[in-house]
PDB file of N, CA and C in Angstrom:
ATOM      1  N   MET A   1      84.962  22.288  48.913  1.00  0.00           N
ATOM      2  CA  MET A   1      84.035  23.047  49.802  1.00  0.00           C
ATOM      3  C   MET A   1      82.711  23.088  49.044  1.00  0.00           C
ATOM      4  N   PRO A   2      81.589  22.867  49.689  1.00  0.00           N
ATOM      5  CA  PRO A   2      80.304  22.912  49.057  1.00  0.00           C
ATOM      6  C   PRO A   2      79.975  24.355  48.631  1.00  0.00           C
ATOM      7  N   SER A   3      79.138  24.424  47.608  1.00  0.00           N
ATOM      8  CA  SER A   3      78.717  25.751  47.147  1.00  0.00           C
ATOM      9  C   SER A   3      77.735  26.425  48.126  1.00  0.00           C
ATOM     10  N   THR A   4      78.151  27.526  48.706  1.00  0.00           N
ATOM     11  CA  THR A   4      77.262  28.206  49.625  1.00  0.00           C
ATOM     12  C   THR A   4      76.085  28.845  48.951  1.00  0.00           C
ATOM     13  N   HIS A   5      76.291  29.280  47.700  1.00  0.00           N
ATOM     14  CA  HIS A   5      75.174  29.894  46.983  1.00  0.00           C
ATOM     15  C   HIS A   5      74.097  28.834  46.660  1.00  0.00           C
ATOM     16  N   SER A   6      74.546  27.636  46.343  1.00  0.00           N
ATOM     17  CA  SER A   6      73.514  26.529  46.100  1.00  0.00           C
ATOM     18  C   SER A   6      72.811  26.194  47.366  1.00  0.00           C
ATOM     19  N   ALA A   7      73.546  26.149  48.476  1.00  0.00           N
ATOM     20  CA  ALA A   7      72.894  25.783  49.731  1.00  0.00           C
ATOM     21  C   ALA A   7      71.889  26.895  50.141  1.00  0.00           C
ATOM     22  N   LEU A   8      72.224  28.153  49.964  1.00  0.00           N
ATOM     23  CA  LEU A   8      71.376  29.233  50.343  1.00  0.00           C
ATOM     24  C   LEU A   8      70.095  29.281  49.455  1.00  0.00           C
ATOM     25  N   SER A   9      70.297  29.145  48.136  1.00  0.00           N
ATOM     26  CA  SER A   9      69.096  29.253  47.268  1.00  0.00           C
ATOM     27  C   SER A   9      68.251  28.032  47.432  1.00  0.00           C
ATOM     28  N   MET A  10      68.800  26.869  47.654  1.00  0.00           N
ATOM     29  CA  MET A  10      67.990  25.658  47.892  1.00  0.00           C
ATOM     30  C   MET A  10      67.233  25.778  49.130  1.00  0.00           C
ATOM     31  N   SER A  11      67.887  26.244  50.239  1.00  0.00           N
ATOM     32  CA  SER A  11      67.143  26.355  51.465  1.00  0.00           C
ATOM     33  C   SER A  11      66.019  27.371  51.413  1.00  0.00           C
ATOM     34  N   VAL A  12      66.253  28.431  50.668  1.00  0.00           N
ATOM     35  CA  VAL A  12      65.122  29.440  50.474  1.00  0.00           C
ATOM     36  C   VAL A  12      63.981  28.817  49.745  1.00  0.00           C
ATOM     37  N   ALA A  13      64.238  28.089  48.661  1.00  0.00           N
ATOM     38  CA  ALA A  13      63.167  27.466  47.877  1.00  0.00           C
ATOM     39  C   ALA A  13      62.438  26.395  48.696  1.00  0.00           C
ATOM     40  N   VAL A  14      63.156  25.594  49.439  1.00  0.00           N
ATOM     41  CA  VAL A  14      62.499  24.525  50.263  1.00  0.00           C
ATOM     42  C   VAL A  14      61.677  25.196  51.388  1.00  0.00           C
ATOM     43  N   SER A  15      62.235  26.187  51.982  1.00  0.00           N
ATOM     44  CA  SER A  15      61.476  26.919  53.023  1.00  0.00           C
ATOM     45  C   SER A  15      60.190  27.506  52.536  1.00  0.00           C
ATOM     46  N   ILE A  16      60.208  28.093  51.333  1.00  0.00           N
ATOM     47  CA  ILE A  16      59.019  28.643  50.680  1.00  0.00           C
ATOM     48  C   ILE A  16      58.066  27.519  50.428  1.00  0.00           C
ATOM     49  N   GLY A  17      58.541  26.379  49.946  1.00  0.00           N
ATOM     50  CA  GLY A  17      57.669  25.240  49.691  1.00  0.00           C
ATOM     51  C   GLY A  17      56.941  24.748  50.903  1.00  0.00           C
ATOM     52  N   TYR A  18      57.697  24.698  52.085  1.00  0.00           N
ATOM     53  CA  TYR A  18      57.045  24.287  53.336  1.00  0.00           C
ATOM     54  C   TYR A  18      56.038  25.323  53.777  1.00  0.00           C
ATOM     55  N   ARG A  19      56.326  26.630  53.685  1.00  0.00           N
ATOM     56  CA  ARG A  19      55.473  27.680  54.206  1.00  0.00           C
ATOM     57  C   ARG A  19      54.301  28.026  53.264  1.00  0.00           C
ATOM     58  N   GLU A  20      54.603  28.136  52.036  1.00  0.00           N
ATOM     59  CA  GLU A  20      53.547  28.647  51.032  1.00  0.00           C
ATOM     60  C   GLU A  20      52.880  27.502  50.283  1.00  0.00           C
ATOM     61  N   GLY A  21      53.489  26.359  50.310  1.00  0.00           N
ATOM     62  CA  GLY A  21      52.944  25.208  49.513  1.00  0.00           C
ATOM     63  C   GLY A  21      53.771  24.873  48.320  1.00  0.00           C
ATOM     64  N   TRP A  22      53.845  23.572  48.079  1.00  0.00           N
ATOM     65  CA  TRP A  22      54.684  23.106  46.993  1.00  0.00           C
ATOM     66  C   TRP A  22      54.145  23.480  45.599  1.00  0.00           C
ATOM     67  N   ASP A  23      52.853  23.889  45.550  1.00  0.00           N
ATOM     68  CA  ASP A  23      52.242  24.242  44.245  1.00  0.00           C
ATOM     69  C   ASP A  23      52.085  25.767  44.101  1.00  0.00           C
ATOM     70  N   SER A  24      52.670  26.529  44.992  1.00  0.00           N
ATOM     71  CA  SER A  24      52.559  28.020  44.941  1.00  0.00           C
ATOM     72  C   SER A  24      53.414  28.603  43.847  1.00  0.00           C
ATOM     73  N   PRO A  25      52.998  29.721  43.261  1.00  0.00           N
ATOM     74  CA  PRO A  25      53.834  30.434  42.233  1.00  0.00           C
ATOM     75  C   PRO A  25      55.154  30.873  42.871  1.00  0.00           C
ATOM     76  N   LEU A  26      55.153  31.259  44.140  1.00  0.00           N
ATOM     77  CA  LEU A  26      56.389  31.734  44.748  1.00  0.00           C
ATOM     78  C   LEU A  26      57.399  30.620  44.854  1.00  0.00           C
ATOM     79  N   PHE A  27      56.934  29.390  45.136  1.00  0.00           N
ATOM     80  CA  PHE A  27      57.886  28.259  45.180  1.00  0.00           C
ATOM     81  C   PHE A  27      58.425  27.960  43.777  1.00  0.00           C
ATOM     82  N   ALA A  28      57.604  28.072  42.800  1.00  0.00           N
ATOM     83  CA  ALA A  28      58.047  27.875  41.362  1.00  0.00           C
ATOM     84  C   ALA A  28      59.060  28.840  41.037  1.00  0.00           C
ATOM     85  N   LEU A  29      58.923  30.158  41.405  1.00  0.00           N
ATOM     86  CA  LEU A  29      59.865  31.174  41.099  1.00  0.00           C
ATOM     87  C   LEU A  29      61.177  30.928  41.848  1.00  0.00           C
ATOM     88  N   ALA A  30      61.107  30.523  43.112  1.00  0.00           N
ATOM     89  CA  ALA A  30      62.307  30.225  43.900  1.00  0.00           C
ATOM     90  C   ALA A  30      63.035  29.039  43.320  1.00  0.00           C
ATOM     91  N   SER A  31      62.309  28.018  42.810  1.00  0.00           N
ATOM     92  CA  SER A  31      62.956  26.868  42.227  1.00  0.00           C
ATOM     93  C   SER A  31      63.693  27.264  40.971  1.00  0.00           C
ATOM     94  N   VAL A  32      63.081  28.059  40.095  1.00  0.00           N
ATOM     95  CA  VAL A  32      63.776  28.440  38.912  1.00  0.00           C
ATOM     96  C   VAL A  32      65.013  29.284  39.260  1.00  0.00           C
ATOM     97  N   PHE A  33      64.898  30.105  40.255  1.00  0.00           N
ATOM     98  CA  PHE A  33      66.054  30.875  40.745  1.00  0.00           C
ATOM     99  C   PHE A  33      67.131  29.962  41.231  1.00  0.00           C
ATOM    100  N   THR A  34      66.805  28.965  41.913  1.00  0.00           N
ATOM    101  CA  THR A  34      67.755  27.984  42.499  1.00  0.00           C
ATOM    102  C   THR A  34      68.433  27.258  41.278  1.00  0.00           C
ATOM    103  N   ILE A  35      67.762  26.903  40.331  1.00  0.00           N
ATOM    104  CA  ILE A  35      68.330  26.194  39.106  1.00  0.00           C
ATOM    105  C   ILE A  35      69.345  27.122  38.460  1.00  0.00           C
ATOM    106  N   VAL A  36      68.989  28.379  38.281  1.00  0.00           N
ATOM    107  CA  VAL A  36      69.894  29.387  37.612  1.00  0.00           C
ATOM    108  C   VAL A  36      71.168  29.518  38.480  1.00  0.00           C
ATOM    109  N   VAL A  37      71.020  29.650  39.769  1.00  0.00           N
ATOM    110  CA  VAL A  37      72.125  29.851  40.641  1.00  0.00           C
ATOM    111  C   VAL A  37      73.091  28.632  40.613  1.00  0.00           C
ATOM    112  N   MET A  38      72.508  27.404  40.588  1.00  0.00           N
ATOM    113  CA  MET A  38      73.293  26.232  40.607  1.00  0.00           C
ATOM    114  C   MET A  38      73.969  26.019  39.190  1.00  0.00           C
ATOM    115  N   ALA A  39      73.330  26.371  38.124  1.00  0.00           N
ATOM    116  CA  ALA A  39      73.956  26.265  36.813  1.00  0.00           C
ATOM    117  C   ALA A  39      75.038  27.233  36.680  1.00  0.00           C
ATOM    118  N   ASP A  40      74.875  28.461  37.254  1.00  0.00           N
ATOM    119  CA  ASP A  40      75.900  29.511  37.272  1.00  0.00           C
ATOM    120  C   ASP A  40      77.152  29.038  38.031  1.00  0.00           C
ATOM    121  N   ALA A  41      76.901  28.515  39.190  1.00  0.00           N
ATOM    122  CA  ALA A  41      78.012  28.076  40.090  1.00  0.00           C
ATOM    123  C   ALA A  41      78.812  26.952  39.447  1.00  0.00           C
ATOM    124  N   ALA A  42      78.157  26.048  38.780  1.00  0.00           N
ATOM    125  CA  ALA A  42      78.862  24.939  38.195  1.00  0.00           C
ATOM    126  C   ALA A  42      79.400  25.151  36.710  1.00  0.00           C
ATOM    127  N   GLY A  43      78.698  26.002  36.013  1.00  0.00           N
ATOM    128  CA  GLY A  43      79.015  26.132  34.614  1.00  0.00           C
ATOM    129  C   GLY A  43      79.886  27.358  34.300  1.00  0.00           C
ATOM    130  N   VAL A  44      79.224  28.491  34.350  1.00  0.00           N
ATOM    131  CA  VAL A  44      79.809  29.709  33.880  1.00  0.00           C
ATOM    132  C   VAL A  44      81.037  30.095  34.707  1.00  0.00           C
ATOM    133  N   ARG A  45      80.899  30.052  36.041  1.00  0.00           N
ATOM    134  CA  ARG A  45      81.933  30.418  36.934  1.00  0.00           C
ATOM    135  C   ARG A  45      83.117  29.435  36.805  1.00  0.00           C
ATOM    136  N   ARG A  46      82.842  28.158  36.634  1.00  0.00           N
ATOM    137  CA  ARG A  46      83.859  27.171  36.450  1.00  0.00           C
ATOM    138  C   ARG A  46      84.668  27.420  35.189  1.00  0.00           C
ATOM    139  N   ALA A  47      83.977  27.702  34.132  1.00  0.00           N
ATOM    140  CA  ALA A  47      84.625  27.995  32.854  1.00  0.00           C
ATOM    141  C   ALA A  47      85.504  29.245  32.960  1.00  0.00           C
ATOM    142  N   THR A  48      85.062  30.235  33.678  1.00  0.00           N
ATOM    143  CA  THR A  48      85.832  31.412  33.902  1.00  0.00           C
ATOM    144  C   THR A  48      87.152  31.081  34.609  1.00  0.00           C
ATOM    145  N   GLY A  49      87.092  30.200  35.616  1.00  0.00           N
ATOM    146  CA  GLY A  49      88.273  29.785  36.344  1.00  0.00           C
ATOM    147  C   GLY A  49      89.242  29.019  35.474  1.00  0.00           C
ATOM    148  N   GLU A  50      88.700  28.157  34.528  1.00  0.00           N
ATOM    149  CA  GLU A  50      89.558  27.461  33.660  1.00  0.00           C
ATOM    150  C   GLU A  50      90.257  28.426  32.650  1.00  0.00           C
ATOM    151  N   GLN A  51      89.528  29.414  32.162  1.00  0.00           N
ATOM    152  CA  GLN A  51      90.146  30.366  31.267  1.00  0.00           C
ATOM    153  C   GLN A  51      91.183  31.217  31.976  1.00  0.00           C
ATOM    154  N   ALA A  52      91.018  31.480  33.274  1.00  0.00           N
ATOM    155  CA  ALA A  52      92.011  32.167  34.041  1.00  0.00           C
ATOM    156  C   ALA A  52      93.289  31.430  34.114  1.00  0.00           C
ATOM    157  N   LYS A  53      93.196  30.080  34.278  1.00  0.00           N
ATOM    158  CA  LYS A  53      94.352  29.239  34.324  1.00  0.00           C
ATOM    159  C   LYS A  53      95.199  29.391  33.066  1.00  0.00           C
ATOM    160  N   VAL A  54      94.498  29.295  31.951  1.00  0.00           N
ATOM    161  CA  VAL A  54      95.207  29.364  30.672  1.00  0.00           C
ATOM    162  C   VAL A  54      95.812  30.733  30.477  1.00  0.00           C
ATOM    163  N   LEU A  55      95.036  31.809  30.815  1.00  0.00           N
ATOM    164  CA  LEU A  55      95.639  33.167  30.691  1.00  0.00           C
ATOM    165  C   LEU A  55      96.817  33.379  31.593  1.00  0.00           C
ATOM    166  N   ASN A  56      96.798  32.826  32.782  1.00  0.00           N
ATOM    167  CA  ASN A  56      97.937  32.919  33.673  1.00  0.00           C
ATOM    168  C   ASN A  56      99.207  32.222  33.118  1.00  0.00           C
ATOM    169  N   LYS A  57      99.023  31.076  32.447  1.00  0.00           N
ATOM    170  CA  LYS A  57     100.139  30.416  31.814  1.00  0.00           C
ATOM    171  C   LYS A  57     100.657  31.249  30.639  1.00  0.00           C
ATOM    172  N   LEU A  58      99.783  31.837  29.823  1.00  0.00           N
ATOM    173  CA  LEU A  58     100.173  32.671  28.785  1.00  0.00           C
ATOM    174  C   LEU A  58     100.976  33.940  29.268  1.00  0.00           C
ATOM    175  N   MET A  59     100.372  34.531  30.276  1.00  0.00           N
ATOM    176  CA  MET A  59     101.037  35.689  30.854  1.00  0.00           C
ATOM    177  C   MET A  59     102.390  35.370  31.406  1.00  0.00           C
ATOM    178  N   LEU A  60     102.558  34.207  32.015  1.00  0.00           N
ATOM    179  CA  LEU A  60     103.820  33.830  32.594  1.00  0.00           C
ATOM    180  C   LEU A  60     104.837  33.666  31.466  1.00  0.00           C
ATOM    181  N   ILE A  61     104.507  33.036  30.402  1.00  0.00           N
ATOM    182  CA  ILE A  61     105.412  32.890  29.260  1.00  0.00           C
ATOM    183  C   ILE A  61     105.758  34.232  28.630  1.00  0.00           C
ATOM    184  N   PHE A  62     104.724  35.041  28.423  1.00  0.00           N
ATOM    185  CA  PHE A  62     104.974  36.306  27.727  1.00  0.00           C
ATOM    186  C   PHE A  62     105.819  37.280  28.623  1.00  0.00           C
ATOM    187  N   PHE A  63     105.472  37.409  29.847  1.00  0.00           N
ATOM    188  CA  PHE A  63     106.124  38.389  30.700  1.00  0.00           C
ATOM    189  C   PHE A  63     107.466  37.851  31.190  1.00  0.00           C
ATOM    190  N   LYS A  64     107.724  36.582  31.115  1.00  0.00           N
ATOM    191  CA  LYS A  64     109.004  35.999  31.487  1.00  0.00           C
ATOM    192  C   LYS A  64     110.050  36.467  30.422  1.00  0.00           C
ATOM    193  N   GLU A  65     109.608  36.457  29.200  1.00  0.00           N
ATOM    194  CA  GLU A  65     110.455  36.769  28.071  1.00  0.00           C
ATOM    195  C   GLU A  65     110.738  38.297  28.090  1.00  0.00           C
ATOM    196  N   ASN A  66     109.789  39.132  28.468  1.00  0.00           N
ATOM    197  CA  ASN A  66     109.883  40.559  28.425  1.00  0.00           C
ATOM    198  C   ASN A  66     110.314  41.171  29.686  1.00  0.00           C
ATOM    199  N   ARG A  67     110.440  40.401  30.788  1.00  0.00           N
ATOM    200  CA  ARG A  67     110.864  40.805  32.084  1.00  0.00           C
ATOM    201  C   ARG A  67     109.984  41.932  32.640  1.00  0.00           C
ATOM    202  N   VAL A  68     108.682  41.775  32.489  1.00  0.00           N
ATOM    203  CA  VAL A  68     107.742  42.793  32.978  1.00  0.00           C
ATOM    204  C   VAL A  68     106.885  42.128  34.088  1.00  0.00           C
ATOM    205  N   LYS A  69     106.554  42.813  35.142  1.00  0.00           N
ATOM    206  CA  LYS A  69     105.789  42.273  36.237  1.00  0.00           C
ATOM    207  C   LYS A  69     104.331  42.214  35.809  1.00  0.00           C
ATOM    208  N   SER A  70     103.584  41.249  36.287  1.00  0.00           N
ATOM    209  CA  SER A  70     102.196  41.124  35.975  1.00  0.00           C
ATOM    210  C   SER A  70     101.471  40.520  37.152  1.00  0.00           C
ATOM    211  N   GLU A  71     100.148  40.794  37.245  1.00  0.00           N
ATOM    212  CA  GLU A  71      99.333  40.194  38.337  1.00  0.00           C
ATOM    213  C   GLU A  71      98.688  38.908  37.752  1.00  0.00           C
ATOM    214  N   ARG A  72      98.620  37.960  38.655  1.00  0.00           N
ATOM    215  CA  ARG A  72      97.958  36.691  38.253  1.00  0.00           C
ATOM    216  C   ARG A  72      96.467  36.888  38.441  1.00  0.00           C
ATOM    217  N   MET A  73      95.676  36.190  37.578  1.00  0.00           N
ATOM    218  CA  MET A  73      94.221  36.205  37.702  1.00  0.00           C
ATOM    219  C   MET A  73      93.843  35.167  38.704  1.00  0.00           C
ATOM    220  N   GLN A  74      92.662  35.390  39.357  1.00  0.00           N
ATOM    221  CA  GLN A  74      92.129  34.377  40.283  1.00  0.00           C
ATOM    222  C   GLN A  74      91.579  33.233  39.542  1.00  0.00           C
ATOM    223  N   GLU A  75      92.037  31.996  39.911  1.00  0.00           N
ATOM    224  CA  GLU A  75      91.679  30.786  39.138  1.00  0.00           C
ATOM    225  C   GLU A  75      90.498  30.032  39.782  1.00  0.00           C
ATOM    226  N   LEU A  76      90.400  30.099  41.119  1.00  0.00           N
ATOM    227  CA  LEU A  76      89.334  29.343  41.777  1.00  0.00           C
ATOM    228  C   LEU A  76      88.098  30.112  41.933  1.00  0.00           C
ATOM    229  N   ILE A  77      87.362  30.194  40.843  1.00  0.00           N
ATOM    230  CA  ILE A  77      86.157  31.068  40.788  1.00  0.00           C
ATOM    231  C   ILE A  77      84.860  30.218  40.992  1.00  0.00           C
ATOM    232  N   GLY A  78      84.785  29.108  40.279  1.00  0.00           N
ATOM    233  CA  GLY A  78      83.509  28.325  40.294  1.00  0.00           C
ATOM    234  C   GLY A  78      83.580  27.106  41.178  1.00  0.00           C
ATOM    235  N   HIS A  79      82.591  26.329  41.074  1.00  0.00           N
ATOM    236  CA  HIS A  79      82.460  25.058  41.840  1.00  0.00           C
ATOM    237  C   HIS A  79      82.398  23.890  40.923  1.00  0.00           C
ATOM    238  N   THR A  80      82.836  22.721  41.413  1.00  0.00           N
ATOM    239  CA  THR A  80      82.599  21.522  40.634  1.00  0.00           C
ATOM    240  C   THR A  80      81.139  21.109  40.781  1.00  0.00           C
ATOM    241  N   PRO A  81      80.582  20.330  39.827  1.00  0.00           N
ATOM    242  CA  PRO A  81      79.209  19.862  40.005  1.00  0.00           C
ATOM    243  C   PRO A  81      79.007  19.136  41.349  1.00  0.00           C
ATOM    244  N   PHE A  82      79.961  18.371  41.805  1.00  0.00           N
ATOM    245  CA  PHE A  82      79.858  17.684  43.119  1.00  0.00           C
ATOM    246  C   PHE A  82      79.675  18.714  44.226  1.00  0.00           C
ATOM    247  N   GLU A  83      80.455  19.765  44.188  1.00  0.00           N
ATOM    248  CA  GLU A  83      80.295  20.807  45.221  1.00  0.00           C
ATOM    249  C   GLU A  83      78.935  21.479  45.235  1.00  0.00           C
ATOM    250  N   VAL A  84      78.411  21.681  44.018  1.00  0.00           N
ATOM    251  CA  VAL A  84      77.080  22.277  43.864  1.00  0.00           C
ATOM    252  C   VAL A  84      76.006  21.334  44.405  1.00  0.00           C
ATOM    253  N   ILE A  85      76.087  20.063  44.118  1.00  0.00           N
ATOM    254  CA  ILE A  85      75.122  19.064  44.578  1.00  0.00           C
ATOM    255  C   ILE A  85      75.202  18.977  46.151  1.00  0.00           C
ATOM    256  N   VAL A  86      76.390  18.918  46.719  1.00  0.00           N
ATOM    257  CA  VAL A  86      76.565  18.869  48.202  1.00  0.00           C
ATOM    258  C   VAL A  86      75.952  20.133  48.794  1.00  0.00           C
ATOM    259  N   GLY A  87      76.179  21.298  48.145  1.00  0.00           N
ATOM    260  CA  GLY A  87      75.620  22.524  48.678  1.00  0.00           C
ATOM    261  C   GLY A  87      74.098  22.486  48.698  1.00  0.00           C
ATOM    262  N   ALA A  88      73.478  21.959  47.609  1.00  0.00           N
ATOM    263  CA  ALA A  88      72.033  21.823  47.500  1.00  0.00           C
ATOM    264  C   ALA A  88      71.525  20.880  48.561  1.00  0.00           C
ATOM    265  N   ILE A  89      72.211  19.795  48.829  1.00  0.00           N
ATOM    266  CA  ILE A  89      71.761  18.830  49.858  1.00  0.00           C
ATOM    267  C   ILE A  89      71.852  19.445  51.216  1.00  0.00           C
ATOM    268  N   ILE A  90      72.870  20.198  51.498  1.00  0.00           N
ATOM    269  CA  ILE A  90      73.016  20.943  52.788  1.00  0.00           C
ATOM    270  C   ILE A  90      71.897  21.959  52.933  1.00  0.00           C
ATOM    271  N   GLY A  91      71.614  22.663  51.878  1.00  0.00           N
ATOM    272  CA  GLY A  91      70.502  23.643  51.884  1.00  0.00           C
ATOM    273  C   GLY A  91      69.116  22.940  52.177  1.00  0.00           C
ATOM    274  N   LEU A  92      68.924  21.818  51.514  1.00  0.00           N
ATOM    275  CA  LEU A  92      67.722  21.041  51.731  1.00  0.00           C
ATOM    276  C   LEU A  92      67.595  20.562  53.140  1.00  0.00           C
ATOM    277  N   ALA A  93      68.676  20.070  53.727  1.00  0.00           N
ATOM    278  CA  ALA A  93      68.641  19.600  55.104  1.00  0.00           C
ATOM    279  C   ALA A  93      68.374  20.731  56.070  1.00  0.00           C
ATOM    280  N   ILE A  94      69.040  21.851  55.897  1.00  0.00           N
ATOM    281  CA  ILE A  94      68.896  22.983  56.788  1.00  0.00           C
ATOM    282  C   ILE A  94      67.456  23.528  56.773  1.00  0.00           C
ATOM    283  N   ALA A  95      66.892  23.652  55.548  1.00  0.00           N
ATOM    284  CA  ALA A  95      65.500  24.211  55.426  1.00  0.00           C
ATOM    285  C   ALA A  95      64.522  23.194  56.013  1.00  0.00           C
ATOM    286  N   THR A  96      64.733  21.916  55.789  1.00  0.00           N
ATOM    287  CA  THR A  96      63.798  20.930  56.335  1.00  0.00           C
ATOM    288  C   THR A  96      63.920  20.882  57.880  1.00  0.00           C
ATOM    289  N   THR A  97      65.079  21.011  58.365  1.00  0.00           N
ATOM    290  CA  THR A  97      65.218  20.978  59.854  1.00  0.00           C
ATOM    291  C   THR A  97      64.521  22.161  60.488  1.00  0.00           C
ATOM    292  N   PHE A  98      64.774  23.342  59.941  1.00  0.00           N
ATOM    293  CA  PHE A  98      64.142  24.532  60.527  1.00  0.00           C
ATOM    294  C   PHE A  98      62.657  24.708  60.279  1.00  0.00           C
ATOM    295  N   SER A  99      62.175  24.127  59.167  1.00  0.00           N
ATOM    296  CA  SER A  99      60.762  24.215  58.841  1.00  0.00           C
ATOM    297  C   SER A  99      59.940  23.227  59.642  1.00  0.00           C
ATOM    298  N   LEU A 100      60.516  22.108  59.979  1.00  0.00           N
ATOM    299  CA  LEU A 100      59.726  21.078  60.663  1.00  0.00           C
ATOM    300  C   LEU A 100      59.768  21.215  62.200  1.00  0.00           C
ATOM    301  N   TYR A 101      60.770  21.968  62.705  1.00  0.00           N
ATOM    302  CA  TYR A 101      60.882  22.115  64.183  1.00  0.00           C
ATOM    303  C   TYR A 101      60.826  23.489  64.623  1.00  0.00           C
TER     304      TYR A 101
END
């Protein structure tokens, strides 16, 4: 599933570029914000999901031996780089469509 955060931030940045100009400070700020959101979606959140997988395995081993109930951590937190790129392309297409028509 494409990253909705990437799509939204990209569409905001592109819409600002169309309305305010590609050399405006507001577009530069929105572009930096978009890069941060995309890096977060692909990097930090993905790493958190991988850590949750490992912790769930450790908890399963530990609590199986001690017969104690435990809650599993959510593993699907982040997006793959492909999902982030697809989200950015969708955001670009949506912003271009609405800005030109």
